[in-house]
Amino acid sequence: MAALLAVLARRWAPDGLERGALLQFVGRFHPLLIHIPIALLALVPILELAGSLGRRVHLRSSAGFVLWLAAYGCVLAALDGWLLARGGGFGGAMVGRHMWAGVGLALVAIAAAAGRSGRQGGAGPGAPAHPLAYWPLLAGAVALMVWTAHLGGDITHGEGYLTEFMPARLRAAFGVPAPAPKATPAAAKKGPATVYTSRVEPLLERSCVSCHNQRRFKGGLRLDTYALLMKGGEDGPVIVPWDPAHSDFIRRVTLPPSDDEAMPSNGRRRLTPDEVKLVESWIAAGASPAQPLVTLK
C-alpha cells in the first residue's frame, strides 16, 4: 500500500487542476482521517513508557497493535490527501512538500511497526523484537508526524501559522527565523502611487495570496503578481477589464461564505462591500496597473 502511494504521488503529482467530483468527494475526508493516525501514533510512546513501569506491562504489549493501526491510518490518510490534492485542484511546492512528508510518514510508521513485531527476546514481555531499529524509527515517525502536521497547517491557515507568535527565545532555540515585517506594496515600490499597488494589491495579499501563490495554488490560479492575476486560472481569466459584471473574481468574492466557490475560503477575512466596490471600479476603469491613485473617486 505504501509503495503504491509513493508511485501515485510520483506519477500523478498534484498540478493545480481540478478533476472529477468523486475524487474531490472522497478527498475531502482527509482533514477527518488525519486525526486518527496522529492520535494513535502519539499514544504509542505513552504505552511504551507506562508499560515499562512494573505492573502495567499489559499496556506495553498493546503498543504494537496500536502502532500497526497508526501505520495503516497514515497510509489511508496520505492516500486520501493525494485524492484531495489531485482532484481538488491544489498545487505548488508547499502542497508537494506536505504530500511527500505524508508518504514518508507512512513508510517510516510501517517500518517502525515491523521493527517492533516478532518474537520478543530477553527484554521482558511486550518488549520490541528489534529495539535497535525500533526506537529510532518510532522517534522518526513522531518527528515526521509533527512536521507533516505543521506543513498541513501552513496550507490550511497560511505559512508560518504555527510559529507566528512564537517567543523570541524559543525561535532562537529551534532556529526559526523571525517573521518578515509587513510593508504595504506602495511603500515598497518606487514611482507614483497607483490604484492597483495602493488599494487593490493589499486586498489581494490580505485575503487571497495565501491560497494562490507560487508555493500553493488552486485551480491553476495565482494572484501574487499583476500578470498572473490577469492571466487567470484553468477556467480562464478572473478579471475582465472594463466589465466587472463578467469578472469571475467579483462573482466569487460576493458569493455566500457557505458556497464552495466563495473566495476567500477557510475562514480568511472576506472583502467588505466597500472593498468590493473599489475593485469593481478599478476593473470598470480598465484594470490597469498604472491607473493613478488620484483618479480614484
C-alpha atoms as a PDB file:
ATOM      1  CA  MET A   1       0.000   0.000   0.000  1.00  0.00           C
ATOM      2  CA  ALA A   2       2.764   2.428   0.896  1.00  0.00           C
ATOM      3  CA  ALA A   3       4.685   1.596  -2.284  1.00  0.00           C
ATOM      4  CA  LEU A   4       1.552   2.193  -4.364  1.00  0.00           C
ATOM      5  CA  LEU A   5       1.061   5.510  -2.590  1.00  0.00           C
ATOM      6  CA  ALA A   6       4.613   6.573  -3.456  1.00  0.00           C
ATOM      7  CA  VAL A   7       4.079   5.629  -7.115  1.00  0.00           C
ATOM      8  CA  LEU A   8       0.833   7.614  -7.302  1.00  0.00           C
ATOM      9  CA  ALA A   9       2.446  10.654  -5.711  1.00  0.00           C
ATOM     10  CA  ARG A  10       5.366  10.465  -8.135  1.00  0.00           C
ATOM     11  CA  ARG A  11       3.493   9.627 -11.327  1.00  0.00           C
ATOM     12  CA  TRP A  12       0.405  11.803 -10.843  1.00  0.00           C
ATOM     13  CA  ALA A  13       1.525  14.653  -8.619  1.00  0.00           C
ATOM     14  CA  PRO A  14      -0.998  17.422  -7.821  1.00  0.00           C
ATOM     15  CA  ASP A  15      -0.751  20.073 -10.543  1.00  0.00           C
ATOM     16  CA  GLY A  16      -3.341  22.665  -9.561  1.00  0.00           C
ATOM     17  CA  LEU A  17      -6.059  21.454 -11.952  1.00  0.00           C
ATOM     18  CA  GLU A  18      -9.464  20.302 -10.738  1.00  0.00           C
ATOM     19  CA  ARG A  19     -10.736  16.868 -11.733  1.00  0.00           C
ATOM     20  CA  GLY A  20     -13.692  14.529 -11.117  1.00  0.00           C
ATOM     21  CA  ALA A  21     -16.248  15.225  -8.417  1.00  0.00           C
ATOM     22  CA  LEU A  22     -15.787  11.730  -6.955  1.00  0.00           C
ATOM     23  CA  LEU A  23     -12.094  12.390  -6.269  1.00  0.00           C
ATOM     24  CA  GLN A  24     -12.972  15.612  -4.501  1.00  0.00           C
ATOM     25  CA  PHE A  25     -15.807  13.998  -2.526  1.00  0.00           C
ATOM     26  CA  VAL A  26     -13.573  11.210  -1.195  1.00  0.00           C
ATOM     27  CA  GLY A  27     -10.586  13.522  -0.775  1.00  0.00           C
ATOM     28  CA  ARG A  28     -12.463  15.936   1.449  1.00  0.00           C
ATOM     29  CA  PHE A  29     -12.462  13.315   4.202  1.00  0.00           C
ATOM     30  CA  HIS A  30      -8.711  13.928   4.545  1.00  0.00           C
ATOM     31  CA  PRO A  31      -8.993  16.501   7.382  1.00  0.00           C
ATOM     32  CA  LEU A  32     -11.061  13.946   9.312  1.00  0.00           C
ATOM     33  CA  LEU A  33      -8.863  10.926   8.598  1.00  0.00           C
ATOM     34  CA  ILE A  34      -5.547  12.538   9.521  1.00  0.00           C
ATOM     35  CA  HIS A  35      -6.527  12.861  13.172  1.00  0.00           C
ATOM     36  CA  ILE A  36      -6.813   9.083  13.580  1.00  0.00           C
ATOM     37  CA  PRO A  37      -3.135   8.181  12.943  1.00  0.00           C
ATOM     38  CA  ILE A  38      -1.992  11.327  14.767  1.00  0.00           C
ATOM     39  CA  ALA A  39      -3.786  10.240  17.943  1.00  0.00           C
ATOM     40  CA  LEU A  40      -2.700   6.607  17.640  1.00  0.00           C
ATOM     41  CA  LEU A  41       0.934   7.407  16.886  1.00  0.00           C
ATOM     42  CA  ALA A  42       1.118   9.849  19.797  1.00  0.00           C
ATOM     43  CA  LEU A  43      -0.330   7.113  22.030  1.00  0.00           C
ATOM     44  CA  VAL A  44       2.409   4.567  21.252  1.00  0.00           C
ATOM     45  CA  PRO A  45       5.263   6.242  23.244  1.00  0.00           C
ATOM     46  CA  ILE A  46       2.862   6.661  26.176  1.00  0.00           C
ATOM     47  CA  LEU A  47       2.016   2.953  26.126  1.00  0.00           C
ATOM     48  CA  GLU A  48       5.701   2.044  25.868  1.00  0.00           C
ATOM     49  CA  LEU A  49       6.646   4.271  28.806  1.00  0.00           C
ATOM     50  CA  ALA A  50       3.706   3.300  31.015  1.00  0.00           C
ATOM     51  CA  GLY A  51       4.147  -0.400  30.170  1.00  0.00           C
ATOM     52  CA  SER A  52       7.773  -0.386  31.264  1.00  0.00           C
ATOM     53  CA  LEU A  53       6.739   0.559  34.812  1.00  0.00           C
ATOM     54  CA  GLY A  54       6.189  -2.679  36.685  1.00  0.00           C
ATOM     55  CA  ARG A  55       2.520  -3.576  36.955  1.00  0.00           C
ATOM     56  CA  ARG A  56       1.420  -2.006  33.661  1.00  0.00           C
ATOM     57  CA  VAL A  57       3.252  -4.388  31.334  1.00  0.00           C
ATOM     58  CA  HIS A  58      -0.034  -5.169  29.567  1.00  0.00           C
ATOM     59  CA  LEU A  59      -0.038  -1.604  28.216  1.00  0.00           C
ATOM     60  CA  ARG A  60       3.297  -2.190  26.531  1.00  0.00           C
ATOM     61  CA  SER A  61       2.009  -5.387  24.978  1.00  0.00           C
ATOM     62  CA  SER A  62      -0.725  -3.375  23.230  1.00  0.00           C
ATOM     63  CA  ALA A  63       1.718  -0.818  21.767  1.00  0.00           C
ATOM     64  CA  GLY A  64       2.474  -2.971  18.728  1.00  0.00           C
ATOM     65  CA  PHE A  65      -1.200  -3.347  17.835  1.00  0.00           C
ATOM     66  CA  VAL A  66      -1.788   0.399  18.208  1.00  0.00           C
ATOM     67  CA  LEU A  67       1.298   1.152  16.109  1.00  0.00           C
ATOM     68  CA  TRP A  68       0.091  -1.066  13.251  1.00  0.00           C
ATOM     69  CA  LEU A  69      -3.274   0.712  13.341  1.00  0.00           C
ATOM     70  CA  ALA A  70      -1.442   4.041  13.215  1.00  0.00           C
ATOM     71  CA  ALA A  71       0.693   2.880  10.279  1.00  0.00           C
ATOM     72  CA  TYR A  72      -2.308   1.791   8.228  1.00  0.00           C
ATOM     73  CA  GLY A  73      -4.052   5.007   9.227  1.00  0.00           C
ATOM     74  CA  CYS A  74      -1.077   7.008   7.907  1.00  0.00           C
ATOM     75  CA  VAL A  75      -1.304   5.217   4.561  1.00  0.00           C
ATOM     76  CA  LEU A  76      -5.057   5.789   4.316  1.00  0.00           C
ATOM     77  CA  ALA A  77      -4.828   9.465   5.302  1.00  0.00           C
ATOM     78  CA  ALA A  78      -1.967  10.106   2.871  1.00  0.00           C
ATOM     79  CA  LEU A  79      -3.834   8.381   0.050  1.00  0.00           C
ATOM     80  CA  ASP A  80      -6.939  10.444   0.759  1.00  0.00           C
ATOM     81  CA  GLY A  81      -4.815  13.592   0.874  1.00  0.00           C
ATOM     82  CA  TRP A  82      -3.443  12.756  -2.574  1.00  0.00           C
ATOM     83  CA  LEU A  83      -7.012  12.345  -3.843  1.00  0.00           C
ATOM     84  CA  LEU A  84      -7.917  15.744  -2.404  1.00  0.00           C
ATOM     85  CA  ALA A  85      -4.906  17.498  -3.928  1.00  0.00           C
ATOM     86  CA  ARG A  86      -5.116  15.734  -7.292  1.00  0.00           C
ATOM     87  CA  GLY A  87      -8.874  16.097  -7.675  1.00  0.00           C
ATOM     88  CA  GLY A  88      -9.392  19.392  -5.867  1.00  0.00           C
ATOM     89  CA  GLY A  89      -7.025  21.434  -7.995  1.00  0.00           C
ATOM     90  CA  PHE A  90      -4.289  22.051  -5.432  1.00  0.00           C
ATOM     91  CA  GLY A  91      -0.689  22.515  -6.498  1.00  0.00           C
ATOM     92  CA  GLY A  92       2.594  24.213  -5.662  1.00  0.00           C
ATOM     93  CA  ALA A  93       5.750  23.449  -3.731  1.00  0.00           C
ATOM     94  CA  MET A  94       4.056  23.645  -0.336  1.00  0.00           C
ATOM     95  CA  VAL A  95       1.409  21.095  -1.322  1.00  0.00           C
ATOM     96  CA  GLY A  96       4.080  18.806  -2.784  1.00  0.00           C
ATOM     97  CA  ARG A  97       6.197  19.040   0.351  1.00  0.00           C
ATOM     98  CA  HIS A  98       3.222  18.158   2.556  1.00  0.00           C
ATOM     99  CA  MET A  99       2.324  15.241   0.293  1.00  0.00           C
ATOM    100  CA  TRP A 100       5.807  13.722   0.364  1.00  0.00           C
ATOM    101  CA  ALA A 101       6.079  14.253   4.124  1.00  0.00           C
ATOM    102  CA  GLY A 102       2.871  12.229   4.467  1.00  0.00           C
ATOM    103  CA  VAL A 103       4.227   9.479   2.211  1.00  0.00           C
ATOM    104  CA  GLY A 104       7.455   9.400   4.226  1.00  0.00           C
ATOM    105  CA  LEU A 105       5.494   9.236   7.475  1.00  0.00           C
ATOM    106  CA  ALA A 106       3.521   6.235   6.217  1.00  0.00           C
ATOM    107  CA  LEU A 107       6.719   4.398   5.205  1.00  0.00           C
ATOM    108  CA  VAL A 108       8.530   5.120   8.483  1.00  0.00           C
ATOM    109  CA  ALA A 109       5.483   4.174  10.574  1.00  0.00           C
ATOM    110  CA  ILE A 110       5.250   0.824   8.758  1.00  0.00           C
ATOM    111  CA  ALA A 111       8.983   0.241   9.253  1.00  0.00           C
ATOM    112  CA  ALA A 112       8.644   1.040  12.970  1.00  0.00           C
ATOM    113  CA  ALA A 113       5.727  -1.376  13.327  1.00  0.00           C
ATOM    114  CA  ALA A 114       7.706  -4.076  11.532  1.00  0.00           C
ATOM    115  CA  GLY A 115      10.699  -3.403  13.766  1.00  0.00           C
ATOM    116  CA  ARG A 116       8.578  -3.933  16.822  1.00  0.00           C
ATOM    117  CA  SER A 117       6.918  -7.129  15.585  1.00  0.00           C
ATOM    118  CA  GLY A 118       8.257 -10.625  16.020  1.00  0.00           C
ATOM    119  CA  ARG A 119       9.267 -12.867  18.869  1.00  0.00           C
ATOM    120  CA  GLN A 120      10.488 -10.924  21.902  1.00  0.00           C
ATOM    121  CA  GLY A 121      13.873 -11.754  23.332  1.00  0.00           C
ATOM    122  CA  GLY A 122      15.051 -11.396  26.888  1.00  0.00           C
ATOM    123  CA  ALA A 123      13.989  -7.791  27.315  1.00  0.00           C
ATOM    124  CA  GLY A 124      10.740  -8.779  29.001  1.00  0.00           C
ATOM    125  CA  PRO A 125       7.157  -9.350  27.897  1.00  0.00           C
ATOM    126  CA  GLY A 126       5.838  -6.861  25.391  1.00  0.00           C
ATOM    127  CA  ALA A 127       9.307  -5.511  24.536  1.00  0.00           C
ATOM    128  CA  PRO A 128      10.181  -4.687  20.887  1.00  0.00           C
ATOM    129  CA  ALA A 129      11.651  -7.560  18.891  1.00  0.00           C
ATOM    130  CA  HIS A 130      14.288  -5.329  17.281  1.00  0.00           C
ATOM    131  CA  PRO A 131      14.908  -2.427  19.706  1.00  0.00           C
ATOM    132  CA  LEU A 132      17.971  -1.030  17.911  1.00  0.00           C
ATOM    133  CA  ALA A 133      15.869  -0.388  14.826  1.00  0.00           C
ATOM    134  CA  TYR A 134      12.535   0.212  16.527  1.00  0.00           C
ATOM    135  CA  TRP A 135      13.313   3.161  18.785  1.00  0.00           C
ATOM    136  CA  PRO A 136      14.966   5.380  16.131  1.00  0.00           C
ATOM    137  CA  LEU A 137      12.158   4.543  13.706  1.00  0.00           C
ATOM    138  CA  LEU A 138       9.485   5.377  16.272  1.00  0.00           C
ATOM    139  CA  ALA A 139      11.201   8.664  17.104  1.00  0.00           C
ATOM    140  CA  GLY A 140      11.459   9.428  13.394  1.00  0.00           C
ATOM    141  CA  ALA A 141       7.771   8.668  12.867  1.00  0.00           C
ATOM    142  CA  VAL A 142       6.736  11.000  15.679  1.00  0.00           C
ATOM    143  CA  ALA A 143       9.019  13.747  14.373  1.00  0.00           C
ATOM    144  CA  LEU A 144       7.680  13.293  10.830  1.00  0.00           C
ATOM    145  CA  MET A 145       4.134  13.413  12.175  1.00  0.00           C
ATOM    146  CA  VAL A 146       4.795  16.803  13.773  1.00  0.00           C
ATOM    147  CA  TRP A 147       6.499  18.114  10.620  1.00  0.00           C
ATOM    148  CA  THR A 148       3.752  16.869   8.322  1.00  0.00           C
ATOM    149  CA  ALA A 149       1.069  18.376  10.542  1.00  0.00           C
ATOM    150  CA  HIS A 150       2.960  21.670  10.550  1.00  0.00           C
ATOM    151  CA  LEU A 151       3.072  21.721   6.743  1.00  0.00           C
ATOM    152  CA  GLY A 152      -0.631  20.911   6.620  1.00  0.00           C
ATOM    153  CA  GLY A 153      -1.315  23.811   8.959  1.00  0.00           C
ATOM    154  CA  ASP A 154       0.641  26.130   6.672  1.00  0.00           C
ATOM    155  CA  ILE A 155      -1.530  25.033   3.739  1.00  0.00           C
ATOM    156  CA  THR A 156      -4.784  25.423   5.648  1.00  0.00           C
ATOM    157  CA  HIS A 157      -4.065  28.566   7.658  1.00  0.00           C
ATOM    158  CA  GLY A 158      -1.203  30.194   5.790  1.00  0.00           C
ATOM    159  CA  GLU A 159       2.572  29.913   6.015  1.00  0.00           C
ATOM    160  CA  GLY A 160       4.002  30.471   9.474  1.00  0.00           C
ATOM    161  CA  TYR A 161       0.656  29.987  11.221  1.00  0.00           C
ATOM    162  CA  LEU A 162       2.129  27.817  13.990  1.00  0.00           C
ATOM    163  CA  THR A 163       5.229  29.960  14.562  1.00  0.00           C
ATOM    164  CA  GLU A 164       3.779  33.444  14.012  1.00  0.00           C
ATOM    165  CA  PHE A 165       3.589  34.247  17.738  1.00  0.00           C
ATOM    166  CA  MET A 166       6.440  32.004  18.923  1.00  0.00           C
ATOM    167  CA  PRO A 167       8.517  33.708  21.697  1.00  0.00           C
ATOM    168  CA  ALA A 168      11.902  35.036  20.591  1.00  0.00           C
ATOM    169  CA  ARG A 169      13.880  32.686  22.846  1.00  0.00           C
ATOM    170  CA  LEU A 170      12.010  29.663  21.547  1.00  0.00           C
ATOM    171  CA  ARG A 171      12.637  30.840  17.975  1.00  0.00           C
ATOM    172  CA  ALA A 172      16.355  31.061  18.693  1.00  0.00           C
ATOM    173  CA  ALA A 173      16.406  27.601  20.293  1.00  0.00           C
ATOM    174  CA  PHE A 174      14.792  25.951  17.275  1.00  0.00           C
ATOM    175  CA  GLY A 175      16.377  28.154  14.616  1.00  0.00           C
ATOM    176  CA  VAL A 176      13.059  29.596  13.452  1.00  0.00           C
ATOM    177  CA  PRO A 177      13.566  32.941  11.652  1.00  0.00           C
ATOM    178  CA  ALA A 178      11.597  35.959  12.793  1.00  0.00           C
ATOM    179  CA  PRO A 179       8.598  36.842  10.614  1.00  0.00           C
ATOM    180  CA  ALA A 180       9.337  39.373   7.917  1.00  0.00           C
ATOM    181  CA  PRO A 181       7.960  42.844   8.631  1.00  0.00           C
ATOM    182  CA  LYS A 182       4.767  43.553   6.776  1.00  0.00           C
ATOM    183  CA  ALA A 183       5.057  46.510   4.459  1.00  0.00           C
ATOM    184  CA  THR A 184       2.439  47.904   2.165  1.00  0.00           C
ATOM    185  CA  PRO A 185       3.195  47.318  -1.512  1.00  0.00           C
ATOM    186  CA  ALA A 186       3.002  51.056  -2.217  1.00  0.00           C
ATOM    187  CA  ALA A 187       5.726  51.746   0.326  1.00  0.00           C
ATOM    188  CA  ALA A 188       7.949  49.013  -1.100  1.00  0.00           C
ATOM    189  CA  LYS A 189       7.752  50.215  -4.713  1.00  0.00           C
ATOM    190  CA  LYS A 190       9.152  53.350  -6.260  1.00  0.00           C
ATOM    191  CA  GLY A 191       7.203  55.601  -8.567  1.00  0.00           C
ATOM    192  CA  PRO A 192       3.792  57.231  -8.373  1.00  0.00           C
ATOM    193  CA  ALA A 193       1.087  55.540  -6.349  1.00  0.00           C
ATOM    194  CA  THR A 194      -1.469  53.654  -8.410  1.00  0.00           C
ATOM    195  CA  VAL A 195      -4.880  52.228  -7.614  1.00  0.00           C
ATOM    196  CA  TYR A 196      -3.544  48.705  -8.042  1.00  0.00           C
ATOM    197  CA  THR A 197      -0.443  48.986  -5.835  1.00  0.00           C
ATOM    198  CA  SER A 198      -2.066  51.166  -3.170  1.00  0.00           C
ATOM    199  CA  ARG A 199      -5.564  49.699  -2.887  1.00  0.00           C
ATOM    200  CA  VAL A 200      -6.130  46.504  -4.883  1.00  0.00           C
ATOM    201  CA  GLU A 201      -2.886  44.629  -4.259  1.00  0.00           C
ATOM    202  CA  PRO A 202      -3.063  44.999  -0.441  1.00  0.00           C
ATOM    203  CA  LEU A 203      -6.546  43.454  -0.508  1.00  0.00           C
ATOM    204  CA  LEU A 204      -5.257  40.510  -2.538  1.00  0.00           C
ATOM    205  CA  GLU A 205      -2.307  39.989  -0.200  1.00  0.00           C
ATOM    206  CA  ARG A 206      -4.543  40.120   2.842  1.00  0.00           C
ATOM    207  CA  SER A 207      -7.306  37.779   1.694  1.00  0.00           C
ATOM    208  CA  CYS A 208      -6.229  35.857  -1.416  1.00  0.00           C
ATOM    209  CA  VAL A 209      -2.489  35.410  -1.917  1.00  0.00           C
ATOM    210  CA  SER A 210      -2.030  32.933   0.946  1.00  0.00           C
ATOM    211  CA  CYS A 211      -4.018  30.380  -1.121  1.00  0.00           C
ATOM    212  CA  HIS A 212      -2.916  31.468  -4.609  1.00  0.00           C
ATOM    213  CA  ASN A 213       0.858  31.887  -4.665  1.00  0.00           C
ATOM    214  CA  GLN A 214       3.961  30.179  -6.012  1.00  0.00           C
ATOM    215  CA  ARG A 215       4.124  27.660  -3.171  1.00  0.00           C
ATOM    216  CA  ARG A 216       0.428  26.850  -3.052  1.00  0.00           C
ATOM    217  CA  PHE A 217      -2.340  27.461  -5.559  1.00  0.00           C
ATOM    218  CA  LYS A 218      -5.693  26.018  -6.553  1.00  0.00           C
ATOM    219  CA  GLY A 219      -7.419  25.785  -9.911  1.00  0.00           C
ATOM    220  CA  GLY A 220      -4.243  26.930 -11.674  1.00  0.00           C
ATOM    221  CA  LEU A 221      -4.851  30.419 -10.277  1.00  0.00           C
ATOM    222  CA  ARG A 222      -2.141  32.602  -8.777  1.00  0.00           C
ATOM    223  CA  LEU A 223      -2.719  36.115  -7.519  1.00  0.00           C
ATOM    224  CA  ASP A 224       0.716  37.108  -6.242  1.00  0.00           C
ATOM    225  CA  THR A 225       1.571  39.288  -9.246  1.00  0.00           C
ATOM    226  CA  TYR A 226      -0.461  41.531 -11.547  1.00  0.00           C
ATOM    227  CA  ALA A 227       0.457  39.475 -14.629  1.00  0.00           C
ATOM    228  CA  LEU A 228      -0.742  36.230 -13.022  1.00  0.00           C
ATOM    229  CA  LEU A 229      -3.914  37.905 -11.759  1.00  0.00           C
ATOM    230  CA  MET A 230      -4.778  38.953 -15.293  1.00  0.00           C
ATOM    231  CA  LYS A 231      -3.786  35.552 -16.702  1.00  0.00           C
ATOM    232  CA  GLY A 232      -6.372  33.762 -14.564  1.00  0.00           C
ATOM    233  CA  GLY A 233      -6.631  30.029 -13.903  1.00  0.00           C
ATOM    234  CA  GLU A 234      -7.727  26.825 -15.587  1.00  0.00           C
ATOM    235  CA  ASP A 235     -11.230  28.238 -16.188  1.00  0.00           C
ATOM    236  CA  GLY A 236      -9.920  31.371 -17.869  1.00  0.00           C
ATOM    237  CA  PRO A 237      -9.398  34.985 -16.769  1.00  0.00           C
ATOM    238  CA  VAL A 238     -10.876  36.067 -13.448  1.00  0.00           C
ATOM    239  CA  ILE A 239     -10.598  39.762 -14.319  1.00  0.00           C
ATOM    240  CA  VAL A 240     -12.286  41.121 -17.466  1.00  0.00           C
ATOM    241  CA  PRO A 241     -11.135  44.743 -17.976  1.00  0.00           C
ATOM    242  CA  TRP A 242     -13.992  47.275 -18.233  1.00  0.00           C
ATOM    243  CA  ASP A 243     -16.501  44.546 -17.326  1.00  0.00           C
ATOM    244  CA  PRO A 244     -16.757  43.801 -13.585  1.00  0.00           C
ATOM    245  CA  ALA A 245     -20.138  42.108 -14.073  1.00  0.00           C
ATOM    246  CA  HIS A 246     -18.449  39.309 -16.060  1.00  0.00           C
ATOM    247  CA  SER A 247     -15.299  39.114 -13.918  1.00  0.00           C
ATOM    248  CA  ASP A 248     -15.262  35.821 -12.038  1.00  0.00           C
ATOM    249  CA  PHE A 249     -13.241  37.404  -9.238  1.00  0.00           C
ATOM    250  CA  ILE A 250     -16.172  39.681  -8.358  1.00  0.00           C
ATOM    251  CA  ARG A 251     -18.616  36.791  -8.547  1.00  0.00           C
ATOM    252  CA  ARG A 252     -16.598  34.651  -6.180  1.00  0.00           C
ATOM    253  CA  VAL A 253     -15.920  37.326  -3.540  1.00  0.00           C
ATOM    254  CA  THR A 254     -19.630  38.157  -3.391  1.00  0.00           C
ATOM    255  CA  LEU A 255     -20.890  34.570  -3.034  1.00  0.00           C
ATOM    256  CA  PRO A 256     -22.228  33.492   0.388  1.00  0.00           C
ATOM    257  CA  PRO A 257     -19.451  32.086   2.634  1.00  0.00           C
ATOM    258  CA  SER A 258     -21.174  28.681   2.603  1.00  0.00           C
ATOM    259  CA  ASP A 259     -20.778  28.367  -1.178  1.00  0.00           C
ATOM    260  CA  ASP A 260     -17.945  26.029  -2.263  1.00  0.00           C
ATOM    261  CA  GLU A 261     -16.807  28.581  -4.874  1.00  0.00           C
ATOM    262  CA  ALA A 262     -16.750  31.543  -2.481  1.00  0.00           C
ATOM    263  CA  MET A 263     -13.438  33.364  -2.039  1.00  0.00           C
ATOM    264  CA  PRO A 264     -11.629  33.606   0.246  1.00  0.00           C
ATOM    265  CA  SER A 265     -12.224  30.287   1.987  1.00  0.00           C
ATOM    266  CA  ASN A 266     -11.055  28.604   5.197  1.00  0.00           C
ATOM    267  CA  GLY A 267     -12.204  31.456   7.396  1.00  0.00           C
ATOM    268  CA  ARG A 268      -9.945  34.097   5.898  1.00  0.00           C
ATOM    269  CA  ARG A 269     -11.061  37.709   6.015  1.00  0.00           C
ATOM    270  CA  ARG A 270     -13.569  38.453   3.283  1.00  0.00           C
ATOM    271  CA  LEU A 271     -13.752  41.661   1.290  1.00  0.00           C
ATOM    272  CA  THR A 272     -16.194  44.193   2.668  1.00  0.00           C
ATOM    273  CA  PRO A 273     -18.872  45.707   0.387  1.00  0.00           C
ATOM    274  CA  ASP A 274     -16.809  48.897   0.110  1.00  0.00           C
ATOM    275  CA  GLU A 275     -13.722  46.902  -0.851  1.00  0.00           C
ATOM    276  CA  VAL A 276     -15.690  45.005  -3.490  1.00  0.00           C
ATOM    277  CA  LYS A 277     -16.928  48.315  -4.922  1.00  0.00           C
ATOM    278  CA  LEU A 278     -13.339  49.571  -5.037  1.00  0.00           C
ATOM    279  CA  VAL A 279     -12.204  46.533  -7.059  1.00  0.00           C
ATOM    280  CA  GLU A 280     -15.252  46.861  -9.302  1.00  0.00           C
ATOM    281  CA  SER A 281     -14.446  50.492 -10.057  1.00  0.00           C
ATOM    282  CA  TRP A 282     -10.821  49.563 -10.802  1.00  0.00           C
ATOM    283  CA  ILE A 283     -11.965  46.850 -13.235  1.00  0.00           C
ATOM    284  CA  ALA A 284     -14.527  49.187 -14.811  1.00  0.00           C
ATOM    285  CA  ALA A 285     -11.726  51.671 -15.470  1.00  0.00           C
ATOM    286  CA  GLY A 286      -9.717  49.024 -17.350  1.00  0.00           C
ATOM    287  CA  ALA A 287      -7.963  47.109 -14.518  1.00  0.00           C
ATOM    288  CA  SER A 288      -4.701  48.840 -15.355  1.00  0.00           C
ATOM    289  CA  PRO A 289      -1.662  48.554 -13.085  1.00  0.00           C
ATOM    290  CA  ALA A 290      -0.787  52.158 -13.935  1.00  0.00           C
ATOM    291  CA  GLN A 291      -4.051  53.930 -13.126  1.00  0.00           C
ATOM    292  CA  PRO A 292      -3.030  56.859 -10.878  1.00  0.00           C
ATOM    293  CA  LEU A 293      -4.392  56.789  -7.368  1.00  0.00           C
ATOM    294  CA  VAL A 294      -5.585  60.380  -7.731  1.00  0.00           C
ATOM    295  CA  THR A 295      -8.186  59.222 -10.287  1.00  0.00           C
ATOM    296  CA  LEU A 296      -9.937  57.054  -7.720  1.00  0.00           C
ATOM    297  CA  LYS A 297     -13.250  58.566  -6.659  1.00  0.00           C
END
